[in-house]
Amino acid sequence: MMSNLALLYVRQAKYPQAEGLDTKAVEVMRRMLGEAHPDTLMAMNNLAQVYYREGKYAPAEELQSTVLATRRRVLGEQHSDTLTSMSNLAVILYGEGKYPQAAAIQSANVEALRHVMGDEQP
């Protein structure tokens, strides 16, 4: 599958190759499965992470924001995939130097995790 090969490229720091494969995977999955399908959202998430690693923060932020919004709508605020998307977006914002926004999102993420997992969790 394209996504698996793209992940291999990411692990080898071959980001342009990974970006090409992930872009194609997103296009195919959007067309075949729709924008809100979990596999499409995972492909979009992967592409956003490649953009981030390449230093393409604006497209990474835009794509990760779309993934987060869709996961919130489809899965709810406390689903593990939604919380992962929140954390990913916070990292991207931090990379862009948007520290207050990153901190706000990460704080909300921590509070949601505490609610889901219980206060005893570290």
PDB file of N, CA and C in Angstrom:
ATOM      1  N   MET A   1       0.833  -1.183   0.000  1.00  0.00           N
ATOM      2  CA  MET A   1       0.000   0.000   0.000  1.00  0.00           C
ATOM      3  C   MET A   1       0.881   1.252   0.000  1.00  0.00           C
ATOM      4  N   MET A   2       0.392   2.302  -0.640  1.00  0.00           N
ATOM      5  CA  MET A   2       1.169   3.544  -0.766  1.00  0.00           C
ATOM      6  C   MET A   2       1.553   4.117   0.591  1.00  0.00           C
ATOM      7  N   SER A   3       0.631   4.063   1.541  1.00  0.00           N
ATOM      8  CA  SER A   3       0.894   4.648   2.859  1.00  0.00           C
ATOM      9  C   SER A   3       2.028   3.934   3.574  1.00  0.00           C
ATOM     10  N   ASN A   4       2.109   2.618   3.407  1.00  0.00           N
ATOM     11  CA  ASN A   4       3.192   1.870   4.046  1.00  0.00           C
ATOM     12  C   ASN A   4       4.545   2.232   3.453  1.00  0.00           C
ATOM     13  N   LEU A   5       4.596   2.363   2.150  1.00  0.00           N
ATOM     14  CA  LEU A   5       5.842   2.770   1.503  1.00  0.00           C
ATOM     15  C   LEU A   5       6.207   4.199   1.897  1.00  0.00           C
ATOM     16  N   ALA A   6       5.209   5.062   1.986  1.00  0.00           N
ATOM     17  CA  ALA A   6       5.462   6.441   2.413  1.00  0.00           C
ATOM     18  C   ALA A   6       6.038   6.465   3.826  1.00  0.00           C
ATOM     19  N   LEU A   7       5.514   5.627   4.708  1.00  0.00           N
ATOM     20  CA  LEU A   7       6.028   5.554   6.079  1.00  0.00           C
ATOM     21  C   LEU A   7       7.488   5.098   6.084  1.00  0.00           C
ATOM     22  N   LEU A   8       7.804   4.160   5.233  1.00  0.00           N
ATOM     23  CA  LEU A   8       9.196   3.721   5.104  1.00  0.00           C
ATOM     24  C   LEU A   8      10.088   4.876   4.661  1.00  0.00           C
ATOM     25  N   TYR A   9       9.607   5.662   3.702  1.00  0.00           N
ATOM     26  CA  TYR A   9      10.368   6.841   3.263  1.00  0.00           C
ATOM     27  C   TYR A   9      10.548   7.843   4.406  1.00  0.00           C
ATOM     28  N   VAL A  10       9.511   8.038   5.210  1.00  0.00           N
ATOM     29  CA  VAL A  10       9.621   8.959   6.353  1.00  0.00           C
ATOM     30  C   VAL A  10      10.705   8.476   7.300  1.00  0.00           C
ATOM     31  N   ARG A  11      10.695   7.197   7.583  1.00  0.00           N
ATOM     32  CA  ARG A  11      11.704   6.641   8.501  1.00  0.00           C
ATOM     33  C   ARG A  11      13.117   6.773   7.957  1.00  0.00           C
ATOM     34  N   GLN A  12      13.241   6.886   6.638  1.00  0.00           N
ATOM     35  CA  GLN A  12      14.539   7.084   6.001  1.00  0.00           C
ATOM     36  C   GLN A  12      14.824   8.561   5.728  1.00  0.00           C
ATOM     37  N   ALA A  13      13.938   9.440   6.207  1.00  0.00           N
ATOM     38  CA  ALA A  13      14.049  10.893   5.995  1.00  0.00           C
ATOM     39  C   ALA A  13      14.007  11.260   4.510  1.00  0.00           C
ATOM     40  N   LYS A  14      13.318  10.475   3.709  1.00  0.00           N
ATOM     41  CA  LYS A  14      13.114  10.762   2.290  1.00  0.00           C
ATOM     42  C   LYS A  14      11.741  11.418   2.140  1.00  0.00           C
ATOM     43  N   TYR A  15      11.661  12.638   2.643  1.00  0.00           N
ATOM     44  CA  TYR A  15      10.372  13.319   2.742  1.00  0.00           C
ATOM     45  C   TYR A  15       9.727  13.661   1.399  1.00  0.00           C
ATOM     46  N   PRO A  16      10.472  14.092   0.393  1.00  0.00           N
ATOM     47  CA  PRO A  16       9.808  14.365  -0.887  1.00  0.00           C
ATOM     48  C   PRO A  16       9.116  13.122  -1.472  1.00  0.00           C
ATOM     49  N   GLN A  17       9.764  11.964  -1.360  1.00  0.00           N
ATOM     50  CA  GLN A  17       9.142  10.737  -1.842  1.00  0.00           C
ATOM     51  C   GLN A  17       7.904  10.397  -1.015  1.00  0.00           C
ATOM     52  N   ALA A  18       8.009  10.552   0.302  1.00  0.00           N
ATOM     53  CA  ALA A  18       6.865  10.286   1.180  1.00  0.00           C
ATOM     54  C   ALA A  18       5.716  11.239   0.878  1.00  0.00           C
ATOM     55  N   GLU A  19       6.046  12.503   0.652  1.00  0.00           N
ATOM     56  CA  GLU A  19       5.007  13.481   0.348  1.00  0.00           C
ATOM     57  C   GLU A  19       4.244  13.102  -0.919  1.00  0.00           C
ATOM     58  N   GLY A  20       4.969  12.690  -1.949  1.00  0.00           N
ATOM     59  CA  GLY A  20       4.318  12.303  -3.199  1.00  0.00           C
ATOM     60  C   GLY A  20       3.368  11.134  -3.018  1.00  0.00           C
ATOM     61  N   LEU A  21       3.817  10.121  -2.301  1.00  0.00           N
ATOM     62  CA  LEU A  21       2.967   8.948  -2.073  1.00  0.00           C
ATOM     63  C   LEU A  21       1.773   9.282  -1.173  1.00  0.00           C
ATOM     64  N   ASP A  22       2.023  10.046  -0.111  1.00  0.00           N
ATOM     65  CA  ASP A  22       0.924  10.408   0.787  1.00  0.00           C
ATOM     66  C   ASP A  22      -0.096  11.300   0.098  1.00  0.00           C
ATOM     67  N   THR A  23       0.372  12.196  -0.760  1.00  0.00           N
ATOM     68  CA  THR A  23      -0.546  13.051  -1.512  1.00  0.00           C
ATOM     69  C   THR A  23      -1.449  12.204  -2.399  1.00  0.00           C
ATOM     70  N   LYS A  24      -0.859  11.249  -3.073  1.00  0.00           N
ATOM     71  CA  LYS A  24      -1.634  10.350  -3.937  1.00  0.00           C
ATOM     72  C   LYS A  24      -2.608   9.511  -3.106  1.00  0.00           C
ATOM     73  N   ALA A  25      -2.154   9.021  -1.959  1.00  0.00           N
ATOM     74  CA  ALA A  25      -3.023   8.220  -1.091  1.00  0.00           C
ATOM     75  C   ALA A  25      -4.234   9.030  -0.633  1.00  0.00           C
ATOM     76  N   VAL A  26      -4.017  10.284  -0.261  1.00  0.00           N
ATOM     77  CA  VAL A  26      -5.124  11.148   0.160  1.00  0.00           C
ATOM     78  C   VAL A  26      -6.105  11.339  -0.987  1.00  0.00           C
ATOM     79  N   GLU A  27      -5.594  11.622  -2.168  1.00  0.00           N
ATOM     80  CA  GLU A  27      -6.467  11.824  -3.338  1.00  0.00           C
ATOM     81  C   GLU A  27      -7.323  10.591  -3.606  1.00  0.00           C
ATOM     82  N   VAL A  28      -6.699   9.424  -3.605  1.00  0.00           N
ATOM     83  CA  VAL A  28      -7.414   8.177  -3.901  1.00  0.00           C
ATOM     84  C   VAL A  28      -8.452   7.885  -2.820  1.00  0.00           C
ATOM     85  N   MET A  29      -8.067   8.031  -1.567  1.00  0.00           N
ATOM     86  CA  MET A  29      -8.982   7.711  -0.477  1.00  0.00           C
ATOM     87  C   MET A  29     -10.151   8.692  -0.396  1.00  0.00           C
ATOM     88  N   ARG A  30      -9.875   9.961  -0.649  1.00  0.00           N
ATOM     89  CA  ARG A  30     -10.984  10.926  -0.686  1.00  0.00           C
ATOM     90  C   ARG A  30     -12.007  10.536  -1.749  1.00  0.00           C
ATOM     91  N   ARG A  31     -11.496  10.166  -2.909  1.00  0.00           N
ATOM     92  CA  ARG A  31     -12.377   9.816  -4.024  1.00  0.00           C
ATOM     93  C   ARG A  31     -13.135   8.518  -3.751  1.00  0.00           C
ATOM     94  N   MET A  32     -12.455   7.517  -3.210  1.00  0.00           N
ATOM     95  CA  MET A  32     -13.068   6.201  -3.035  1.00  0.00           C
ATOM     96  C   MET A  32     -13.846   6.055  -1.728  1.00  0.00           C
ATOM     97  N   LEU A  33     -13.361   6.665  -0.653  1.00  0.00           N
ATOM     98  CA  LEU A  33     -13.949   6.442   0.668  1.00  0.00           C
ATOM     99  C   LEU A  33     -14.672   7.660   1.244  1.00  0.00           C
ATOM    100  N   GLY A  34     -14.318   8.837   0.742  1.00  0.00           N
ATOM    101  CA  GLY A  34     -14.906  10.060   1.267  1.00  0.00           C
ATOM    102  C   GLY A  34     -13.999  10.741   2.277  1.00  0.00           C
ATOM    103  N   GLU A  35     -14.276  12.002   2.515  1.00  0.00           N
ATOM    104  CA  GLU A  35     -13.443  12.858   3.369  1.00  0.00           C
ATOM    105  C   GLU A  35     -13.413  12.410   4.833  1.00  0.00           C
ATOM    106  N   ALA A  36     -14.509  11.850   5.323  1.00  0.00           N
ATOM    107  CA  ALA A  36     -14.624  11.546   6.753  1.00  0.00           C
ATOM    108  C   ALA A  36     -14.287  10.101   7.107  1.00  0.00           C
ATOM    109  N   HIS A  37     -13.879   9.293   6.150  1.00  0.00           N
ATOM    110  CA  HIS A  37     -13.542   7.899   6.436  1.00  0.00           C
ATOM    111  C   HIS A  37     -12.256   7.847   7.272  1.00  0.00           C
ATOM    112  N   PRO A  38     -12.187   6.935   8.241  1.00  0.00           N
ATOM    113  CA  PRO A  38     -10.987   6.851   9.088  1.00  0.00           C
ATOM    114  C   PRO A  38      -9.685   6.658   8.306  1.00  0.00           C
ATOM    115  N   ASP A  39      -9.718   5.866   7.234  1.00  0.00           N
ATOM    116  CA  ASP A  39      -8.495   5.668   6.440  1.00  0.00           C
ATOM    117  C   ASP A  39      -8.079   6.943   5.716  1.00  0.00           C
ATOM    118  N   THR A  40      -9.060   7.695   5.244  1.00  0.00           N
ATOM    119  CA  THR A  40      -8.760   8.979   4.595  1.00  0.00           C
ATOM    120  C   THR A  40      -8.150   9.941   5.605  1.00  0.00           C
ATOM    121  N   LEU A  41      -8.738  10.000   6.779  1.00  0.00           N
ATOM    122  CA  LEU A  41      -8.230  10.896   7.823  1.00  0.00           C
ATOM    123  C   LEU A  41      -6.820  10.504   8.257  1.00  0.00           C
ATOM    124  N   MET A  42      -6.540   9.200   8.317  1.00  0.00           N
ATOM    125  CA  MET A  42      -5.190   8.762   8.678  1.00  0.00           C
ATOM    126  C   MET A  42      -4.198   9.158   7.590  1.00  0.00           C
ATOM    127  N   ALA A  43      -4.593   9.018   6.336  1.00  0.00           N
ATOM    128  CA  ALA A  43      -3.711   9.423   5.235  1.00  0.00           C
ATOM    129  C   ALA A  43      -3.458  10.929   5.281  1.00  0.00           C
ATOM    130  N   MET A  44      -4.500  11.706   5.573  1.00  0.00           N
ATOM    131  CA  MET A  44      -4.342  13.157   5.692  1.00  0.00           C
ATOM    132  C   MET A  44      -3.424  13.499   6.856  1.00  0.00           C
ATOM    133  N   ASN A  45      -3.591  12.805   7.970  1.00  0.00           N
ATOM    134  CA  ASN A  45      -2.730  13.002   9.130  1.00  0.00           C
ATOM    135  C   ASN A  45      -1.276  12.716   8.765  1.00  0.00           C
ATOM    136  N   ASN A  46      -1.048  11.613   8.066  1.00  0.00           N
ATOM    137  CA  ASN A  46       0.316  11.249   7.664  1.00  0.00           C
ATOM    138  C   ASN A  46       0.936  12.306   6.760  1.00  0.00           C
ATOM    139  N   LEU A  47       0.151  12.815   5.829  1.00  0.00           N
ATOM    140  CA  LEU A  47       0.653  13.861   4.942  1.00  0.00           C
ATOM    141  C   LEU A  47       0.981  15.124   5.724  1.00  0.00           C
ATOM    142  N   ALA A  48       0.137  15.478   6.675  1.00  0.00           N
ATOM    143  CA  ALA A  48       0.411  16.655   7.512  1.00  0.00           C
ATOM    144  C   ALA A  48       1.725  16.486   8.272  1.00  0.00           C
ATOM    145  N   GLN A  49       1.985  15.277   8.739  1.00  0.00           N
ATOM    146  CA  GLN A  49       3.231  15.022   9.463  1.00  0.00           C
ATOM    147  C   GLN A  49       4.446  15.124   8.541  1.00  0.00           C
ATOM    148  N   VAL A  50       4.303  14.685   7.298  1.00  0.00           N
ATOM    149  CA  VAL A  50       5.393  14.837   6.332  1.00  0.00           C
ATOM    150  C   VAL A  50       5.650  16.316   6.072  1.00  0.00           C
ATOM    151  N   TYR A  51       4.575  17.084   5.851  1.00  0.00           N
ATOM    152  CA  TYR A  51       4.735  18.530   5.664  1.00  0.00           C
ATOM    153  C   TYR A  51       5.490  19.138   6.846  1.00  0.00           C
ATOM    154  N   TYR A  52       5.110  18.754   8.051  1.00  0.00           N
ATOM    155  CA  TYR A  52       5.765  19.280   9.257  1.00  0.00           C
ATOM    156  C   TYR A  52       7.265  18.951   9.235  1.00  0.00           C
ATOM    157  N   ARG A  53       7.595  17.722   8.935  1.00  0.00           N
ATOM    158  CA  ARG A  53       9.002  17.317   8.915  1.00  0.00           C
ATOM    159  C   ARG A  53       9.796  18.035   7.835  1.00  0.00           C
ATOM    160  N   GLU A  54       9.110  18.429   6.772  1.00  0.00           N
ATOM    161  CA  GLU A  54       9.767  19.186   5.697  1.00  0.00           C
ATOM    162  C   GLU A  54       9.862  20.670   6.022  1.00  0.00           C
ATOM    163  N   GLY A  55       9.259  21.088   7.127  1.00  0.00           N
ATOM    164  CA  GLY A  55       9.247  22.503   7.476  1.00  0.00           C
ATOM    165  C   GLY A  55       8.169  23.286   6.753  1.00  0.00           C
ATOM    166  N   LYS A  56       7.215  22.599   6.164  1.00  0.00           N
ATOM    167  CA  LYS A  56       6.090  23.232   5.471  1.00  0.00           C
ATOM    168  C   LYS A  56       4.942  23.380   6.473  1.00  0.00           C
ATOM    169  N   TYR A  57       5.139  24.332   7.387  1.00  0.00           N
ATOM    170  CA  TYR A  57       4.234  24.441   8.532  1.00  0.00           C
ATOM    171  C   TYR A  57       2.834  24.895   8.161  1.00  0.00           C
ATOM    172  N   ALA A  58       2.693  25.825   7.241  1.00  0.00           N
ATOM    173  CA  ALA A  58       1.353  26.318   6.896  1.00  0.00           C
ATOM    174  C   ALA A  58       0.474  25.208   6.314  1.00  0.00           C
ATOM    175  N   PRO A  59       0.950  24.438   5.309  1.00  0.00           N
ATOM    176  CA  PRO A  59       0.095  23.352   4.829  1.00  0.00           C
ATOM    177  C   PRO A  59      -0.100  22.248   5.868  1.00  0.00           C
ATOM    178  N   ALA A  60       0.905  22.022   6.707  1.00  0.00           N
ATOM    179  CA  ALA A  60       0.761  21.024   7.775  1.00  0.00           C
ATOM    180  C   ALA A  60      -0.338  21.446   8.742  1.00  0.00           C
ATOM    181  N   GLU A  61      -0.319  22.721   9.131  1.00  0.00           N
ATOM    182  CA  GLU A  61      -1.332  23.233  10.052  1.00  0.00           C
ATOM    183  C   GLU A  61      -2.730  23.153   9.435  1.00  0.00           C
ATOM    184  N   GLU A  62      -2.842  23.570   8.190  1.00  0.00           N
ATOM    185  CA  GLU A  62      -4.145  23.558   7.525  1.00  0.00           C
ATOM    186  C   GLU A  62      -4.714  22.139   7.430  1.00  0.00           C
ATOM    187  N   LEU A  63      -3.886  21.198   7.012  1.00  0.00           N
ATOM    188  CA  LEU A  63      -4.354  19.827   6.859  1.00  0.00           C
ATOM    189  C   LEU A  63      -4.670  19.190   8.208  1.00  0.00           C
ATOM    190  N   GLN A  64      -3.798  19.402   9.194  1.00  0.00           N
ATOM    191  CA  GLN A  64      -4.042  18.819  10.515  1.00  0.00           C
ATOM    192  C   GLN A  64      -5.283  19.435  11.157  1.00  0.00           C
ATOM    193  N   SER A  65      -5.517  20.708  10.926  1.00  0.00           N
ATOM    194  CA  SER A  65      -6.738  21.355  11.438  1.00  0.00           C
ATOM    195  C   SER A  65      -7.986  20.732  10.821  1.00  0.00           C
ATOM    196  N   THR A  66      -7.911  20.411   9.540  1.00  0.00           N
ATOM    197  CA  THR A  66      -9.034  19.753   8.865  1.00  0.00           C
ATOM    198  C   THR A  66      -9.276  18.366   9.450  1.00  0.00           C
ATOM    199  N   VAL A  67      -8.204  17.625   9.667  1.00  0.00           N
ATOM    200  CA  VAL A  67      -8.330  16.290  10.263  1.00  0.00           C
ATOM    201  C   VAL A  67      -8.948  16.396  11.650  1.00  0.00           C
ATOM    202  N   LEU A  68      -8.471  17.336  12.449  1.00  0.00           N
ATOM    203  CA  LEU A  68      -9.005  17.508  13.802  1.00  0.00           C
ATOM    204  C   LEU A  68     -10.484  17.867  13.771  1.00  0.00           C
ATOM    205  N   ALA A  69     -10.856  18.813  12.944  1.00  0.00           N
ATOM    206  CA  ALA A  69     -12.260  19.229  12.866  1.00  0.00           C
ATOM    207  C   ALA A  69     -13.163  18.069  12.449  1.00  0.00           C
ATOM    208  N   THR A  70     -12.708  17.296  11.487  1.00  0.00           N
ATOM    209  CA  THR A  70     -13.511  16.165  11.017  1.00  0.00           C
ATOM    210  C   THR A  70     -13.606  15.090  12.090  1.00  0.00           C
ATOM    211  N   ARG A  71     -12.505  14.788  12.745  1.00  0.00           N
ATOM    212  CA  ARG A  71     -12.543  13.781  13.817  1.00  0.00           C
ATOM    213  C   ARG A  71     -13.417  14.243  14.982  1.00  0.00           C
ATOM    214  N   ARG A  72     -13.374  15.511  15.309  1.00  0.00           N
ATOM    215  CA  ARG A  72     -14.261  16.017  16.358  1.00  0.00           C
ATOM    216  C   ARG A  72     -15.721  15.795  15.983  1.00  0.00           C
ATOM    217  N   ARG A  73     -16.040  16.116  14.742  1.00  0.00           N
ATOM    218  CA  ARG A  73     -17.423  16.000  14.270  1.00  0.00           C
ATOM    219  C   ARG A  73     -17.869  14.544  14.198  1.00  0.00           C
ATOM    220  N   VAL A  74     -17.010  13.671  13.679  1.00  0.00           N
ATOM    221  CA  VAL A  74     -17.391  12.286  13.434  1.00  0.00           C
ATOM    222  C   VAL A  74     -17.208  11.407  14.675  1.00  0.00           C
ATOM    223  N   LEU A  75     -16.108  11.581  15.376  1.00  0.00           N
ATOM    224  CA  LEU A  75     -15.755  10.690  16.484  1.00  0.00           C
ATOM    225  C   LEU A  75     -16.048  11.263  17.867  1.00  0.00           C
ATOM    226  N   GLY A  76     -16.107  12.586  17.951  1.00  0.00           N
ATOM    227  CA  GLY A  76     -16.318  13.226  19.245  1.00  0.00           C
ATOM    228  C   GLY A  76     -15.028  13.744  19.845  1.00  0.00           C
ATOM    229  N   GLU A  77     -15.189  14.592  20.837  1.00  0.00           N
ATOM    230  CA  GLU A  77     -14.049  15.281  21.465  1.00  0.00           C
ATOM    231  C   GLU A  77     -13.099  14.348  22.211  1.00  0.00           C
ATOM    232  N   GLN A  78     -13.608  13.238  22.733  1.00  0.00           N
ATOM    233  CA  GLN A  78     -12.792  12.416  23.619  1.00  0.00           C
ATOM    234  C   GLN A  78     -12.272  11.131  22.991  1.00  0.00           C
ATOM    235  N   HIS A  79     -12.486  10.952  21.704  1.00  0.00           N
ATOM    236  CA  HIS A  79     -11.962   9.769  21.021  1.00  0.00           C
ATOM    237  C   HIS A  79     -10.438   9.872  20.932  1.00  0.00           C
ATOM    238  N   SER A  80      -9.779   8.737  21.023  1.00  0.00           N
ATOM    239  CA  SER A  80      -8.312   8.743  21.014  1.00  0.00           C
ATOM    240  C   SER A  80      -7.735   9.336  19.728  1.00  0.00           C
ATOM    241  N   ASP A  81      -8.379   9.111  18.583  1.00  0.00           N
ATOM    242  CA  ASP A  81      -7.886   9.697  17.334  1.00  0.00           C
ATOM    243  C   ASP A  81      -8.025  11.218  17.337  1.00  0.00           C
ATOM    244  N   THR A  82      -9.104  11.712  17.930  1.00  0.00           N
ATOM    245  CA  THR A  82      -9.295  13.165  18.046  1.00  0.00           C
ATOM    246  C   THR A  82      -8.221  13.761  18.938  1.00  0.00           C
ATOM    247  N   LEU A  83      -7.945  13.101  20.052  1.00  0.00           N
ATOM    248  CA  LEU A  83      -6.928  13.598  20.975  1.00  0.00           C
ATOM    249  C   LEU A  83      -5.536  13.554  20.350  1.00  0.00           C
ATOM    250  N   THR A  84      -5.268  12.539  19.549  1.00  0.00           N
ATOM    251  CA  THR A  84      -3.993  12.479  18.834  1.00  0.00           C
ATOM    252  C   THR A  84      -3.879  13.636  17.854  1.00  0.00           C
ATOM    253  N   SER A  85      -4.970  13.929  17.161  1.00  0.00           N
ATOM    254  CA  SER A  85      -4.966  15.055  16.221  1.00  0.00           C
ATOM    255  C   SER A  85      -4.724  16.377  16.932  1.00  0.00           C
ATOM    256  N   MET A  86      -5.298  16.529  18.117  1.00  0.00           N
ATOM    257  CA  MET A  86      -5.058  17.746  18.901  1.00  0.00           C
ATOM    258  C   MET A  86      -3.585  17.886  19.229  1.00  0.00           C
ATOM    259  N   SER A  87      -2.989  16.811  19.681  1.00  0.00           N
ATOM    260  CA  SER A  87      -1.575  16.839  20.032  1.00  0.00           C
ATOM    261  C   SER A  87      -0.709  17.124  18.813  1.00  0.00           C
ATOM    262  N   ASN A  88      -1.033  16.494  17.691  1.00  0.00           N
ATOM    263  CA  ASN A  88      -0.277  16.742  16.456  1.00  0.00           C
ATOM    264  C   ASN A  88      -0.363  18.202  16.026  1.00  0.00           C
ATOM    265  N   LEU A  89      -1.554  18.772  16.128  1.00  0.00           N
ATOM    266  CA  LEU A  89      -1.718  20.172  15.763  1.00  0.00           C
ATOM    267  C   LEU A  89      -0.918  21.073  16.704  1.00  0.00           C
ATOM    268  N   ALA A  90      -0.912  20.753  17.986  1.00  0.00           N
ATOM    269  CA  ALA A  90      -0.137  21.550  18.944  1.00  0.00           C
ATOM    270  C   ALA A  90       1.354  21.529  18.597  1.00  0.00           C
ATOM    271  N   VAL A  91       1.857  20.380  18.200  1.00  0.00           N
ATOM    272  CA  VAL A  91       3.273  20.270  17.824  1.00  0.00           C
ATOM    273  C   VAL A  91       3.570  21.125  16.593  1.00  0.00           C
ATOM    274  N   ILE A  92       2.676  21.082  15.622  1.00  0.00           N
ATOM    275  CA  ILE A  92       2.866  21.890  14.413  1.00  0.00           C
ATOM    276  C   ILE A  92       2.858  23.376  14.758  1.00  0.00           C
ATOM    277  N   LEU A  93       1.903  23.794  15.565  1.00  0.00           N
ATOM    278  CA  LEU A  93       1.824  25.203  15.969  1.00  0.00           C
ATOM    279  C   LEU A  93       3.075  25.625  16.727  1.00  0.00           C
ATOM    280  N   TYR A  94       3.572  24.760  17.579  1.00  0.00           N
ATOM    281  CA  TYR A  94       4.808  25.052  18.302  1.00  0.00           C
ATOM    282  C   TYR A  94       5.963  25.237  17.317  1.00  0.00           C
ATOM    283  N   GLY A  95       6.023  24.357  16.316  1.00  0.00           N
ATOM    284  CA  GLY A  95       7.069  24.463  15.297  1.00  0.00           C
ATOM    285  C   GLY A  95       7.007  25.771  14.527  1.00  0.00           C
ATOM    286  N   GLU A  96       5.793  26.306  14.394  1.00  0.00           N
ATOM    287  CA  GLU A  96       5.608  27.590  13.704  1.00  0.00           C
ATOM    288  C   GLU A  96       5.905  28.773  14.609  1.00  0.00           C
ATOM    289  N   GLY A  97       6.150  28.513  15.876  1.00  0.00           N
ATOM    290  CA  GLY A  97       6.369  29.603  16.823  1.00  0.00           C
ATOM    291  C   GLY A  97       5.081  30.193  17.364  1.00  0.00           C
ATOM    292  N   LYS A  98       3.977  29.499  17.168  1.00  0.00           N
ATOM    293  CA  LYS A  98       2.672  29.958  17.675  1.00  0.00           C
ATOM    294  C   LYS A  98       2.455  29.347  19.061  1.00  0.00           C
ATOM    295  N   TYR A  99       3.279  29.790  20.002  1.00  0.00           N
ATOM    296  CA  TYR A  99       3.334  29.172  21.312  1.00  0.00           C
ATOM    297  C   TYR A  99       2.038  29.280  22.118  1.00  0.00           C
ATOM    298  N   PRO A 100       1.380  30.441  22.160  1.00  0.00           N
ATOM    299  CA  PRO A 100       0.127  30.504  22.929  1.00  0.00           C
ATOM    300  C   PRO A 100      -0.954  29.564  22.384  1.00  0.00           C
ATOM    301  N   GLN A 101      -1.077  29.489  21.058  1.00  0.00           N
ATOM    302  CA  GLN A 101      -2.066  28.588  20.460  1.00  0.00           C
ATOM    303  C   GLN A 101      -1.703  27.129  20.743  1.00  0.00           C
ATOM    304  N   ALA A 102      -0.431  26.796  20.610  1.00  0.00           N
ATOM    305  CA  ALA A 102       0.024  25.432  20.869  1.00  0.00           C
ATOM    306  C   ALA A 102      -0.248  25.048  22.317  1.00  0.00           C
ATOM    307  N   ALA A 103       0.054  25.956  23.238  1.00  0.00           N
ATOM    308  CA  ALA A 103      -0.168  25.678  24.659  1.00  0.00           C
ATOM    309  C   ALA A 103      -1.648  25.504  24.972  1.00  0.00           C
ATOM    310  N   ALA A 104      -2.481  26.312  24.374  1.00  0.00           N
ATOM    311  CA  ALA A 104      -3.925  26.206  24.623  1.00  0.00           C
ATOM    312  C   ALA A 104      -4.469  24.862  24.150  1.00  0.00           C
ATOM    313  N   ILE A 105      -4.065  24.452  22.963  1.00  0.00           N
ATOM    314  CA  ILE A 105      -4.538  23.172  22.429  1.00  0.00           C
ATOM    315  C   ILE A 105      -3.991  22.011  23.250  1.00  0.00           C
ATOM    316  N   GLN A 106      -2.724  22.082  23.612  1.00  0.00           N
ATOM    317  CA  GLN A 106      -2.141  20.989  24.385  1.00  0.00           C
ATOM    318  C   GLN A 106      -2.749  20.925  25.780  1.00  0.00           C
ATOM    319  N   SER A 107      -3.059  22.056  26.376  1.00  0.00           N
ATOM    320  CA  SER A 107      -3.724  22.064  27.687  1.00  0.00           C
ATOM    321  C   SER A 107      -5.104  21.426  27.604  1.00  0.00           C
ATOM    322  N   ALA A 108      -5.844  21.764  26.557  1.00  0.00           N
ATOM    323  CA  ALA A 108      -7.165  21.160  26.353  1.00  0.00           C
ATOM    324  C   ALA A 108      -7.026  19.655  26.133  1.00  0.00           C
ATOM    325  N   ASN A 109      -5.989  19.263  25.442  1.00  0.00           N
ATOM    326  CA  ASN A 109      -5.739  17.847  25.202  1.00  0.00           C
ATOM    327  C   ASN A 109      -5.453  17.115  26.509  1.00  0.00           C
ATOM    328  N   VAL A 110      -4.629  17.700  27.348  1.00  0.00           N
ATOM    329  CA  VAL A 110      -4.298  17.085  28.638  1.00  0.00           C
ATOM    330  C   VAL A 110      -5.555  16.954  29.503  1.00  0.00           C
ATOM    331  N   GLU A 111      -6.371  17.989  29.523  1.00  0.00           N
ATOM    332  CA  GLU A 111      -7.616  17.934  30.306  1.00  0.00           C
ATOM    333  C   GLU A 111      -8.544  16.846  29.782  1.00  0.00           C
ATOM    334  N   ALA A 112      -8.647  16.726  28.485  1.00  0.00           N
ATOM    335  CA  ALA A 112      -9.492  15.672  27.899  1.00  0.00           C
ATOM    336  C   ALA A 112      -8.948  14.290  28.242  1.00  0.00           C
ATOM    337  N   LEU A 113      -7.636  14.136  28.183  1.00  0.00           N
ATOM    338  CA  LEU A 113      -7.021  12.863  28.555  1.00  0.00           C
ATOM    339  C   LEU A 113      -7.272  12.526  30.015  1.00  0.00           C
ATOM    340  N   ARG A 114      -7.174  13.516  30.880  1.00  0.00           N
ATOM    341  CA  ARG A 114      -7.466  13.286  32.300  1.00  0.00           C
ATOM    342  C   ARG A 114      -8.908  12.831  32.494  1.00  0.00           C
ATOM    343  N   HIS A 115      -9.801  13.451  31.756  1.00  0.00           N
ATOM    344  CA  HIS A 115     -11.214  13.090  31.862  1.00  0.00           C
ATOM    345  C   HIS A 115     -11.450  11.664  31.366  1.00  0.00           C
ATOM    346  N   VAL A 116     -10.810  11.311  30.264  1.00  0.00           N
ATOM    347  CA  VAL A 116     -11.006   9.991  29.670  1.00  0.00           C
ATOM    348  C   VAL A 116     -10.315   8.905  30.490  1.00  0.00           C
ATOM    349  N   MET A 117      -9.099   9.184  30.909  1.00  0.00           N
ATOM    350  CA  MET A 117      -8.284   8.144  31.563  1.00  0.00           C
ATOM    351  C   MET A 117      -8.377   8.165  33.082  1.00  0.00           C
ATOM    352  N   GLY A 118      -8.855   9.238  33.651  1.00  0.00           N
ATOM    353  CA  GLY A 118      -8.925   9.340  35.110  1.00  0.00           C
ATOM    354  C   GLY A 118      -7.746  10.121  35.648  1.00  0.00           C
ATOM    355  N   ASP A 119      -7.907  10.680  36.813  1.00  0.00           N
ATOM    356  CA  ASP A 119      -6.877  11.555  37.398  1.00  0.00           C
ATOM    357  C   ASP A 119      -5.639  10.816  37.867  1.00  0.00           C
ATOM    358  N   GLU A 120      -5.717   9.506  38.016  1.00  0.00           N
ATOM    359  CA  GLU A 120      -4.554   8.762  38.505  1.00  0.00           C
ATOM    360  C   GLU A 120      -3.473   8.614  37.440  1.00  0.00           C
ATOM    361  N   GLN A 121      -3.815   8.860  36.194  1.00  0.00           N
ATOM    362  CA  GLN A 121      -2.843   8.696  35.123  1.00  0.00           C
ATOM    363  C   GLN A 121      -1.803   9.819  35.168  1.00  0.00           C
ATOM    364  N   PRO A 122      -0.528   9.475  34.918  1.00  0.00           N
ATOM    365  CA  PRO A 122       0.514  10.526  34.922  1.00  0.00           C
ATOM    366  C   PRO A 122       0.381  11.444  33.725  1.00  0.00           C
TER     367      PRO A 122
END
